[in-house]
């Protein structure tokens, strides 16, 4: 919330009343915070030295960072989604999936 108030005086400089406005800036603050959070995530994701992949529930690669693209040999078009992203499947054996084997 943000408020602005002022005193209204008459011609003899006596206080007649206060007037003010209260503005709810919650939504604007939330939008700004979300934008800052997205920018921080984008920067951390894009500039990470480690390969990072965002995978959708259906197994499709939604987004990859530069480090991952370099690791697997994707082009800039494939990385940005302008071209068809190659199918990338990681097959794990049952022993690789268990930390106790």
PDB file of N, CA and C in Angstrom:
ATOM      1  N   UNK A   1       0.834  -1.175   0.000  1.00  0.00           N
ATOM      2  CA  UNK A   1       0.000   0.000   0.000  1.00  0.00           C
ATOM      3  C   UNK A   1       0.882   1.243   0.000  1.00  0.00           C
ATOM      4  N   UNK A   2       0.425   2.225  -0.690  1.00  0.00           N
ATOM      5  CA  UNK A   2       1.100   3.521  -0.679  1.00  0.00           C
ATOM      6  C   UNK A   2       0.040   4.572  -0.417  1.00  0.00           C
ATOM      7  N   UNK A   3       0.358   5.532   0.452  1.00  0.00           N
ATOM      8  CA  UNK A   3      -0.628   6.574   0.727  1.00  0.00           C
ATOM      9  C   UNK A   3       0.014   7.948   0.525  1.00  0.00           C
ATOM     10  N   UNK A   4      -0.815   8.851   0.100  1.00  0.00           N
ATOM     11  CA  UNK A   4      -0.421  10.246  -0.080  1.00  0.00           C
ATOM     12  C   UNK A   4      -1.505  11.085   0.574  1.00  0.00           C
ATOM     13  N   UNK A   5      -1.098  12.037   1.419  1.00  0.00           N
ATOM     14  CA  UNK A   5      -2.083  12.848   2.123  1.00  0.00           C
ATOM     15  C   UNK A   5      -1.613  14.296   2.167  1.00  0.00           C
ATOM     16  N   UNK A   6      -2.581  15.169   2.265  1.00  0.00           N
ATOM     17  CA  UNK A   6      -2.249  16.589   2.393  1.00  0.00           C
ATOM     18  C   UNK A   6      -3.338  17.282   3.233  1.00  0.00           C
ATOM     19  N   UNK A   7      -2.960  18.400   3.814  1.00  0.00           N
ATOM     20  CA  UNK A   7      -3.887  19.189   4.622  1.00  0.00           C
ATOM     21  C   UNK A   7      -4.468  20.279   3.728  1.00  0.00           C
ATOM     22  N   UNK A   8      -5.767  20.432   3.791  1.00  0.00           N
ATOM     23  CA  UNK A   8      -6.427  21.501   3.049  1.00  0.00           C
ATOM     24  C   UNK A   8      -6.797  22.593   4.047  1.00  0.00           C
ATOM     25  N   UNK A   9      -6.297  23.818   3.787  1.00  0.00           N
ATOM     26  CA  UNK A   9      -6.542  24.952   4.696  1.00  0.00           C
ATOM     27  C   UNK A   9      -7.438  25.977   4.013  1.00  0.00           C
ATOM     28  N   UNK A  10      -8.113  26.763   4.840  1.00  0.00           N
ATOM     29  CA  UNK A  10      -8.958  27.836   4.284  1.00  0.00           C
ATOM     30  C   UNK A  10      -8.109  29.089   4.068  1.00  0.00           C
ATOM     31  N   UNK A  11      -8.783  30.168   3.673  1.00  0.00           N
ATOM     32  CA  UNK A  11      -8.076  31.417   3.363  1.00  0.00           C
ATOM     33  C   UNK A  11      -7.381  32.027   4.576  1.00  0.00           C
ATOM     34  N   UNK A  12      -7.812  31.653   5.782  1.00  0.00           N
ATOM     35  CA  UNK A  12      -7.172  32.158   6.995  1.00  0.00           C
ATOM     36  C   UNK A  12      -6.098  31.180   7.504  1.00  0.00           C
ATOM     37  N   UNK A  13      -5.795  30.166   6.693  1.00  0.00           N
ATOM     38  CA  UNK A  13      -4.759  29.176   6.985  1.00  0.00           C
ATOM     39  C   UNK A  13      -5.135  28.214   8.118  1.00  0.00           C
ATOM     40  N   UNK A  14      -6.461  28.108   8.370  1.00  0.00           N
ATOM     41  CA  UNK A  14      -6.926  27.132   9.334  1.00  0.00           C
ATOM     42  C   UNK A  14      -7.118  25.801   8.618  1.00  0.00           C
ATOM     43  N   UNK A  15      -6.784  24.738   9.312  1.00  0.00           N
ATOM     44  CA  UNK A  15      -6.959  23.411   8.725  1.00  0.00           C
ATOM     45  C   UNK A  15      -8.445  23.116   8.586  1.00  0.00           C
ATOM     46  N   UNK A  16      -8.845  22.803   7.371  1.00  0.00           N
ATOM     47  CA  UNK A  16     -10.248  22.453   7.103  1.00  0.00           C
ATOM     48  C   UNK A  16     -10.416  20.931   7.130  1.00  0.00           C
ATOM     49  N   UNK A  17      -9.543  20.230   6.457  1.00  0.00           N
ATOM     50  CA  UNK A  17      -9.629  18.769   6.428  1.00  0.00           C
ATOM     51  C   UNK A  17      -8.346  18.200   5.812  1.00  0.00           C
ATOM     52  N   UNK A  18      -8.236  16.904   5.959  1.00  0.00           N
ATOM     53  CA  UNK A  18      -7.169  16.147   5.305  1.00  0.00           C
ATOM     54  C   UNK A  18      -7.776  15.483   4.086  1.00  0.00           C
ATOM     55  N   UNK A  19      -6.991  15.365   3.050  1.00  0.00           N
ATOM     56  CA  UNK A  19      -7.433  14.562   1.911  1.00  0.00           C
ATOM     57  C   UNK A  19      -6.281  13.661   1.507  1.00  0.00           C
ATOM     58  N   UNK A  20      -6.612  12.505   1.006  1.00  0.00           N
ATOM     59  CA  UNK A  20      -5.549  11.587   0.646  1.00  0.00           C
ATOM     60  C   UNK A  20      -6.023  10.477  -0.269  1.00  0.00           C
ATOM     61  N   UNK A  21      -5.055   9.776  -0.740  1.00  0.00           N
ATOM     62  CA  UNK A  21      -5.306   8.638  -1.636  1.00  0.00           C
ATOM     63  C   UNK A  21      -4.477   7.469  -1.127  1.00  0.00           C
ATOM     64  N   UNK A  22      -5.096   6.321  -1.067  1.00  0.00           N
ATOM     65  CA  UNK A  22      -4.382   5.094  -0.734  1.00  0.00           C
ATOM     66  C   UNK A  22      -4.414   4.222  -1.991  1.00  0.00           C
ATOM     67  N   UNK A  23      -3.239   3.816  -2.418  1.00  0.00           N
ATOM     68  CA  UNK A  23      -3.121   3.016  -3.637  1.00  0.00           C
ATOM     69  C   UNK A  23      -2.567   1.639  -3.298  1.00  0.00           C
ATOM     70  N   UNK A  24      -3.257   0.615  -3.752  1.00  0.00           N
ATOM     71  CA  UNK A  24      -2.778  -0.755  -3.557  1.00  0.00           C
ATOM     72  C   UNK A  24      -1.782  -1.056  -4.670  1.00  0.00           C
ATOM     73  N   UNK A  25      -0.519  -1.181  -4.310  1.00  0.00           N
ATOM     74  CA  UNK A  25       0.524  -1.444  -5.308  1.00  0.00           C
ATOM     75  C   UNK A  25       1.020  -2.890  -5.239  1.00  0.00           C
ATOM     76  N   UNK A  26       0.246  -3.747  -4.576  1.00  0.00           N
ATOM     77  CA  UNK A  26       0.634  -5.146  -4.402  1.00  0.00           C
ATOM     78  C   UNK A  26       0.855  -5.837  -5.736  1.00  0.00           C
ATOM     79  N   UNK A  27      -0.086  -5.678  -6.667  1.00  0.00           N
ATOM     80  CA  UNK A  27       0.031  -6.356  -7.959  1.00  0.00           C
ATOM     81  C   UNK A  27       1.272  -5.891  -8.715  1.00  0.00           C
ATOM     82  N   UNK A  28       1.535  -4.594  -8.685  1.00  0.00           N
ATOM     83  CA  UNK A  28       2.720  -4.062  -9.359  1.00  0.00           C
ATOM     84  C   UNK A  28       3.987  -4.616  -8.712  1.00  0.00           C
ATOM     85  N   UNK A  29       4.005  -4.674  -7.381  1.00  0.00           N
ATOM     86  CA  UNK A  29       5.168  -5.220  -6.679  1.00  0.00           C
ATOM     87  C   UNK A  29       5.368  -6.693  -7.019  1.00  0.00           C
ATOM     88  N   UNK A  30       4.271  -7.435  -7.106  1.00  0.00           N
ATOM     89  CA  UNK A  30       4.363  -8.849  -7.470  1.00  0.00           C
ATOM     90  C   UNK A  30       4.899  -9.021  -8.888  1.00  0.00           C
ATOM     91  N   UNK A  31       4.422  -8.203  -9.821  1.00  0.00           N
ATOM     92  CA  UNK A  31       4.929  -8.271 -11.208  1.00  0.00           C
ATOM     93  C   UNK A  31       6.419  -7.962 -11.248  1.00  0.00           C
ATOM     94  N   UNK A  32       6.833  -6.932 -10.506  1.00  0.00           N
ATOM     95  CA  UNK A  32       8.260  -6.576 -10.471  1.00  0.00           C
ATOM     96  C   UNK A  32       9.086  -7.699  -9.866  1.00  0.00           C
ATOM     97  N   UNK A  33       8.593  -8.283  -8.766  1.00  0.00           N
ATOM     98  CA  UNK A  33       9.319  -9.382  -8.118  1.00  0.00           C
ATOM     99  C   UNK A  33       9.399 -10.591  -9.040  1.00  0.00           C
ATOM    100  N   UNK A  34       8.317 -10.884  -9.746  1.00  0.00           N
ATOM    101  CA  UNK A  34       8.318 -12.004 -10.685  1.00  0.00           C
ATOM    102  C   UNK A  34       9.309 -11.752 -11.814  1.00  0.00           C
ATOM    103  N   UNK A  35       9.327 -10.541 -12.338  1.00  0.00           N
ATOM    104  CA  UNK A  35      10.278 -10.203 -13.404  1.00  0.00           C
ATOM    105  C   UNK A  35      11.720 -10.345 -12.943  1.00  0.00           C
ATOM    106  N   UNK A  36      11.997  -9.894 -11.714  1.00  0.00           N
ATOM    107  CA  UNK A  36      13.355 -10.025 -11.173  1.00  0.00           C
ATOM    108  C   UNK A  36      13.716 -11.496 -10.982  1.00  0.00           C
ATOM    109  N   UNK A  37      12.770 -12.282 -10.489  1.00  0.00           N
ATOM    110  CA  UNK A  37      13.008 -13.704 -10.281  1.00  0.00           C
ATOM    111  C   UNK A  37      13.264 -14.423 -11.602  1.00  0.00           C
ATOM    112  N   UNK A  38      12.459 -14.101 -12.619  1.00  0.00           N
ATOM    113  CA  UNK A  38      12.654 -14.712 -13.940  1.00  0.00           C
ATOM    114  C   UNK A  38      14.005 -14.334 -14.533  1.00  0.00           C
ATOM    115  N   UNK A  39      14.399 -13.076 -14.379  1.00  0.00           N
ATOM    116  CA  UNK A  39      15.696 -12.630 -14.904  1.00  0.00           C
ATOM    117  C   UNK A  39      16.841 -13.341 -14.195  1.00  0.00           C
ATOM    118  N   UNK A  40      16.718 -13.521 -12.881  1.00  0.00           N
ATOM    119  CA  UNK A  40      17.750 -14.222 -12.119  1.00  0.00           C
ATOM    120  C   UNK A  40      17.845 -15.675 -12.569  1.00  0.00           C
ATOM    121  N   UNK A  41      16.688 -16.344 -12.718  1.00  0.00           N
ATOM    122  CA  UNK A  41      16.688 -17.736 -13.176  1.00  0.00           C
ATOM    123  C   UNK A  41      17.295 -17.836 -14.570  1.00  0.00           C
ATOM    124  N   UNK A  42      16.854 -16.962 -15.481  1.00  0.00           N
ATOM    125  CA  UNK A  42      17.349 -16.990 -16.856  1.00  0.00           C
ATOM    126  C   UNK A  42      18.862 -16.828 -16.895  1.00  0.00           C
ATOM    127  N   UNK A  43      19.368 -15.890 -16.116  1.00  0.00           N
ATOM    128  CA  UNK A  43      20.804 -15.649 -16.070  1.00  0.00           C
ATOM    129  C   UNK A  43      21.547 -16.865 -15.518  1.00  0.00           C
ATOM    130  N   UNK A  44      21.059 -17.420 -14.408  1.00  0.00           N
ATOM    131  CA  UNK A  44      21.702 -18.596 -13.815  1.00  0.00           C
ATOM    132  C   UNK A  44      21.639 -19.783 -14.767  1.00  0.00           C
ATOM    133  N   UNK A  45      20.523 -19.971 -15.433  1.00  0.00           N
ATOM    134  CA  UNK A  45      20.341 -21.083 -16.364  1.00  0.00           C
ATOM    135  C   UNK A  45      21.251 -20.915 -17.574  1.00  0.00           C
ATOM    136  N   UNK A  46      21.182 -19.763 -18.215  1.00  0.00           N
ATOM    137  CA  UNK A  46      21.936 -19.548 -19.452  1.00  0.00           C
ATOM    138  C   UNK A  46      23.443 -19.519 -19.240  1.00  0.00           C
ATOM    139  N   UNK A  47      23.895 -18.969 -18.126  1.00  0.00           N
ATOM    140  CA  UNK A  47      25.326 -18.765 -17.908  1.00  0.00           C
ATOM    141  C   UNK A  47      25.996 -19.855 -17.088  1.00  0.00           C
ATOM    142  N   UNK A  48      25.257 -20.882 -16.702  1.00  0.00           N
ATOM    143  CA  UNK A  48      25.832 -21.952 -15.884  1.00  0.00           C
ATOM    144  C   UNK A  48      26.920 -22.687 -16.657  1.00  0.00           C
ATOM    145  N   UNK A  49      27.969 -23.067 -15.954  1.00  0.00           N
ATOM    146  CA  UNK A  49      29.053 -23.827 -16.571  1.00  0.00           C
ATOM    147  C   UNK A  49      28.664 -25.291 -16.740  1.00  0.00           C
ATOM    148  N   UNK A  50      27.634 -25.719 -16.031  1.00  0.00           N
ATOM    149  CA  UNK A  50      27.136 -27.088 -16.086  1.00  0.00           C
ATOM    150  C   UNK A  50      25.950 -27.159 -17.038  1.00  0.00           C
ATOM    151  N   UNK A  51      25.861 -28.231 -17.784  1.00  0.00           N
ATOM    152  CA  UNK A  51      24.734 -28.407 -18.687  1.00  0.00           C
ATOM    153  C   UNK A  51      23.438 -28.575 -17.918  1.00  0.00           C
ATOM    154  N   UNK A  52      22.417 -27.822 -18.316  1.00  0.00           N
ATOM    155  CA  UNK A  52      21.105 -27.899 -17.667  1.00  0.00           C
ATOM    156  C   UNK A  52      20.044 -28.099 -18.733  1.00  0.00           C
ATOM    157  N   UNK A  53      19.085 -28.980 -18.441  1.00  0.00           N
ATOM    158  CA  UNK A  53      17.992 -29.285 -19.360  1.00  0.00           C
ATOM    159  C   UNK A  53      16.677 -29.162 -18.612  1.00  0.00           C
ATOM    160  N   UNK A  54      15.700 -28.491 -19.207  1.00  0.00           N
ATOM    161  CA  UNK A  54      14.339 -28.466 -18.670  1.00  0.00           C
ATOM    162  C   UNK A  54      13.526 -29.438 -19.517  1.00  0.00           C
ATOM    163  N   UNK A  55      12.990 -30.454 -18.865  1.00  0.00           N
ATOM    164  CA  UNK A  55      12.266 -31.510 -19.562  1.00  0.00           C
ATOM    165  C   UNK A  55      10.809 -31.464 -19.138  1.00  0.00           C
ATOM    166  N   UNK A  56       9.901 -31.496 -20.114  1.00  0.00           N
ATOM    167  CA  UNK A  56       8.472 -31.510 -19.832  1.00  0.00           C
ATOM    168  C   UNK A  56       8.016 -32.878 -19.353  1.00  0.00           C
ATOM    169  N   UNK A  57       6.776 -32.944 -18.893  1.00  0.00           N
ATOM    170  CA  UNK A  57       6.234 -34.202 -18.382  1.00  0.00           C
ATOM    171  C   UNK A  57       6.206 -35.303 -19.438  1.00  0.00           C
ATOM    172  N   UNK A  58       6.071 -34.905 -20.704  1.00  0.00           N
ATOM    173  CA  UNK A  58       6.029 -35.889 -21.782  1.00  0.00           C
ATOM    174  C   UNK A  58       7.421 -36.310 -22.231  1.00  0.00           C
ATOM    175  N   UNK A  59       8.465 -35.784 -21.588  1.00  0.00           N
ATOM    176  CA  UNK A  59       9.834 -36.167 -21.906  1.00  0.00           C
ATOM    177  C   UNK A  59      10.500 -35.293 -22.958  1.00  0.00           C
ATOM    178  N   UNK A  60       9.798 -34.277 -23.449  1.00  0.00           N
ATOM    179  CA  UNK A  60      10.358 -33.394 -24.472  1.00  0.00           C
ATOM    180  C   UNK A  60      11.289 -32.380 -23.823  1.00  0.00           C
ATOM    181  N   UNK A  61      12.414 -32.112 -24.489  1.00  0.00           N
ATOM    182  CA  UNK A  61      13.326 -31.083 -24.007  1.00  0.00           C
ATOM    183  C   UNK A  61      12.698 -29.725 -24.275  1.00  0.00           C
ATOM    184  N   UNK A  62      12.324 -29.021 -23.224  1.00  0.00           N
ATOM    185  CA  UNK A  62      11.709 -27.706 -23.383  1.00  0.00           C
ATOM    186  C   UNK A  62      12.744 -26.614 -23.552  1.00  0.00           C
ATOM    187  N   UNK A  63      13.865 -26.773 -22.855  1.00  0.00           N
ATOM    188  CA  UNK A  63      14.896 -25.749 -22.939  1.00  0.00           C
ATOM    189  C   UNK A  63      16.225 -26.351 -22.505  1.00  0.00           C
ATOM    190  N   UNK A  64      17.283 -25.944 -23.181  1.00  0.00           N
ATOM    191  CA  UNK A  64      18.626 -26.369 -22.807  1.00  0.00           C
ATOM    192  C   UNK A  64      19.506 -25.135 -22.714  1.00  0.00           C
ATOM    193  N   UNK A  65      20.539 -25.219 -21.889  1.00  0.00           N
ATOM    194  CA  UNK A  65      21.439 -24.075 -21.804  1.00  0.00           C
ATOM    195  C   UNK A  65      22.647 -24.271 -22.725  1.00  0.00           C
ATOM    196  N   UNK A  66      23.466 -23.259 -22.818  1.00  0.00           N
ATOM    197  CA  UNK A  66      24.617 -23.261 -23.717  1.00  0.00           C
ATOM    198  C   UNK A  66      25.570 -24.411 -23.397  1.00  0.00           C
ATOM    199  N   UNK A  67      25.837 -24.632 -22.107  1.00  0.00           N
ATOM    200  CA  UNK A  67      26.779 -25.683 -21.719  1.00  0.00           C
ATOM    201  C   UNK A  67      26.290 -27.060 -22.170  1.00  0.00           C
ATOM    202  N   UNK A  68      24.991 -27.323 -22.019  1.00  0.00           N
ATOM    203  CA  UNK A  68      24.457 -28.611 -22.462  1.00  0.00           C
ATOM    204  C   UNK A  68      24.524 -28.723 -23.981  1.00  0.00           C
ATOM    205  N   UNK A  69      24.191 -27.637 -24.679  1.00  0.00           N
ATOM    206  CA  UNK A  69      24.249 -27.642 -26.136  1.00  0.00           C
ATOM    207  C   UNK A  69      25.656 -27.976 -26.618  1.00  0.00           C
ATOM    208  N   UNK A  70      26.655 -27.400 -25.961  1.00  0.00           N
ATOM    209  CA  UNK A  70      28.040 -27.695 -26.339  1.00  0.00           C
ATOM    210  C   UNK A  70      28.407 -29.145 -26.017  1.00  0.00           C
ATOM    211  N   UNK A  71      27.886 -29.673 -24.905  1.00  0.00           N
ATOM    212  CA  UNK A  71      28.199 -31.052 -24.505  1.00  0.00           C
ATOM    213  C   UNK A  71      27.691 -32.063 -25.527  1.00  0.00           C
ATOM    214  N   UNK A  72      26.505 -31.822 -26.078  1.00  0.00           N
ATOM    215  CA  UNK A  72      25.898 -32.807 -26.980  1.00  0.00           C
ATOM    216  C   UNK A  72      25.964 -32.389 -28.448  1.00  0.00           C
ATOM    217  N   UNK A  73      26.544 -31.226 -28.730  1.00  0.00           N
ATOM    218  CA  UNK A  73      26.739 -30.803 -30.108  1.00  0.00           C
ATOM    219  C   UNK A  73      25.524 -30.189 -30.776  1.00  0.00           C
ATOM    220  N   UNK A  74      24.618 -29.589 -30.014  1.00  0.00           N
ATOM    221  CA  UNK A  74      23.476 -28.911 -30.617  1.00  0.00           C
ATOM    222  C   UNK A  74      23.930 -27.595 -31.231  1.00  0.00           C
ATOM    223  N   UNK A  75      23.268 -27.204 -32.312  1.00  0.00           N
ATOM    224  CA  UNK A  75      23.547 -25.912 -32.931  1.00  0.00           C
ATOM    225  C   UNK A  75      22.759 -24.819 -32.216  1.00  0.00           C
ATOM    226  N   UNK A  76      23.058 -23.567 -32.532  1.00  0.00           N
ATOM    227  CA  UNK A  76      22.320 -22.453 -31.935  1.00  0.00           C
ATOM    228  C   UNK A  76      20.839 -22.508 -32.302  1.00  0.00           C
ATOM    229  N   UNK A  77      20.516 -22.909 -33.557  1.00  0.00           N
ATOM    230  CA  UNK A  77      19.109 -23.024 -33.964  1.00  0.00           C
ATOM    231  C   UNK A  77      18.389 -24.079 -33.138  1.00  0.00           C
ATOM    232  N   UNK A  78      19.049 -25.207 -32.939  1.00  0.00           N
ATOM    233  CA  UNK A  78      18.430 -26.270 -32.158  1.00  0.00           C
ATOM    234  C   UNK A  78      18.290 -25.846 -30.704  1.00  0.00           C
ATOM    235  N   UNK A  79      19.272 -25.150 -30.190  1.00  0.00           N
ATOM    236  CA  UNK A  79      19.252 -24.711 -28.794  1.00  0.00           C
ATOM    237  C   UNK A  79      18.126 -23.722 -28.546  1.00  0.00           C
ATOM    238  N   UNK A  80      17.922 -22.804 -29.484  1.00  0.00           N
ATOM    239  CA  UNK A  80      16.915 -21.765 -29.285  1.00  0.00           C
ATOM    240  C   UNK A  80      15.515 -22.209 -29.664  1.00  0.00           C
ATOM    241  N   UNK A  81      15.401 -23.394 -30.249  1.00  0.00           N
ATOM    242  CA  UNK A  81      14.086 -23.887 -30.625  1.00  0.00           C
ATOM    243  C   UNK A  81      13.683 -23.501 -32.035  1.00  0.00           C
ATOM    244  N   UNK A  82      14.583 -22.840 -32.790  1.00  0.00           N
ATOM    245  CA  UNK A  82      14.259 -22.472 -34.170  1.00  0.00           C
ATOM    246  C   UNK A  82      14.269 -23.675 -35.089  1.00  0.00           C
ATOM    247  N   UNK A  83      15.010 -24.685 -34.730  1.00  0.00           N
ATOM    248  CA  UNK A  83      15.043 -25.917 -35.507  1.00  0.00           C
ATOM    249  C   UNK A  83      14.455 -27.033 -34.676  1.00  0.00           C
ATOM    250  N   UNK A  84      14.413 -28.215 -35.243  1.00  0.00           N
ATOM    251  CA  UNK A  84      13.885 -29.357 -34.502  1.00  0.00           C
ATOM    252  C   UNK A  84      14.950 -29.831 -33.516  1.00  0.00           C
ATOM    253  N   UNK A  85      14.592 -29.899 -32.252  1.00  0.00           N
ATOM    254  CA  UNK A  85      15.533 -30.394 -31.246  1.00  0.00           C
ATOM    255  C   UNK A  85      15.610 -31.906 -31.384  1.00  0.00           C
ATOM    256  N   UNK A  86      16.821 -32.389 -31.459  1.00  0.00           N
ATOM    257  CA  UNK A  86      17.034 -33.826 -31.587  1.00  0.00           C
ATOM    258  C   UNK A  86      16.470 -34.548 -30.372  1.00  0.00           C
ATOM    259  N   UNK A  87      16.027 -35.742 -30.612  1.00  0.00           N
ATOM    260  CA  UNK A  87      15.574 -36.551 -29.489  1.00  0.00           C
ATOM    261  C   UNK A  87      16.807 -36.955 -28.692  1.00  0.00           C
ATOM    262  N   UNK A  88      16.722 -36.791 -27.421  1.00  0.00           N
ATOM    263  CA  UNK A  88      17.849 -37.120 -26.547  1.00  0.00           C
ATOM    264  C   UNK A  88      17.312 -38.016 -25.463  1.00  0.00           C
ATOM    265  N   UNK A  89      17.718 -39.266 -25.475  1.00  0.00           N
ATOM    266  CA  UNK A  89      17.219 -40.230 -24.507  1.00  0.00           C
ATOM    267  C   UNK A  89      18.377 -40.758 -23.688  1.00  0.00           C
ATOM    268  N   UNK A  90      18.226 -40.737 -22.404  1.00  0.00           N
ATOM    269  CA  UNK A  90      19.211 -41.293 -21.500  1.00  0.00           C
ATOM    270  C   UNK A  90      18.693 -42.633 -21.025  1.00  0.00           C
ATOM    271  N   UNK A  91      19.378 -43.673 -21.411  1.00  0.00           N
ATOM    272  CA  UNK A  91      18.977 -45.010 -20.989  1.00  0.00           C
ATOM    273  C   UNK A  91      19.841 -45.395 -19.797  1.00  0.00           C
ATOM    274  N   UNK A  92      19.170 -45.782 -18.743  1.00  0.00           N
ATOM    275  CA  UNK A  92      19.889 -46.156 -17.534  1.00  0.00           C
ATOM    276  C   UNK A  92      19.623 -47.617 -17.234  1.00  0.00           C
ATOM    277  N   UNK A  93      20.645 -48.291 -16.801  1.00  0.00           N
ATOM    278  CA  UNK A  93      20.455 -49.668 -16.359  1.00  0.00           C
ATOM    279  C   UNK A  93      19.896 -49.617 -14.943  1.00  0.00           C
ATOM    280  N   UNK A  94      19.336 -50.702 -14.502  1.00  0.00           N
ATOM    281  CA  UNK A  94      18.765 -50.723 -13.154  1.00  0.00           C
ATOM    282  C   UNK A  94      19.834 -50.461 -12.108  1.00  0.00           C
ATOM    283  N   UNK A  95      21.070 -50.891 -12.345  1.00  0.00           N
ATOM    284  CA  UNK A  95      22.124 -50.652 -11.365  1.00  0.00           C
ATOM    285  C   UNK A  95      22.505 -49.175 -11.327  1.00  0.00           C
ATOM    286  N   UNK A  96      22.422 -48.476 -12.461  1.00  0.00           N
ATOM    287  CA  UNK A  96      22.750 -47.053 -12.488  1.00  0.00           C
ATOM    288  C   UNK A  96      21.679 -46.235 -11.801  1.00  0.00           C
ATOM    289  N   UNK A  97      20.455 -46.741 -11.756  1.00  0.00           N
ATOM    290  CA  UNK A  97      19.368 -46.007 -11.161  1.00  0.00           C
ATOM    291  C   UNK A  97      19.362 -46.121  -9.640  1.00  0.00           C
ATOM    292  N   UNK A  98      19.993 -47.142  -9.116  1.00  0.00           N
ATOM    293  CA  UNK A  98      19.975 -47.342  -7.669  1.00  0.00           C
ATOM    294  C   UNK A  98      21.272 -46.841  -7.053  1.00  0.00           C
ATOM    295  N   UNK A  99      21.184 -45.976  -6.071  1.00  0.00           N
ATOM    296  CA  UNK A  99      22.412 -45.481  -5.436  1.00  0.00           C
ATOM    297  C   UNK A  99      23.060 -46.510  -4.511  1.00  0.00           C
ATOM    298  N   UNK A 100      22.352 -47.630  -4.265  1.00  0.00           N
ATOM    299  CA  UNK A 100      22.843 -48.614  -3.298  1.00  0.00           C
ATOM    300  C   UNK A 100      23.439 -49.851  -3.968  1.00  0.00           C
ATOM    301  N   UNK A 101      23.538 -49.889  -5.287  1.00  0.00           N
ATOM    302  CA  UNK A 101      24.067 -51.078  -5.923  1.00  0.00           C
ATOM    303  C   UNK A 101      25.541 -50.998  -6.148  1.00  0.00           C
TER     304      UNK A 101
END
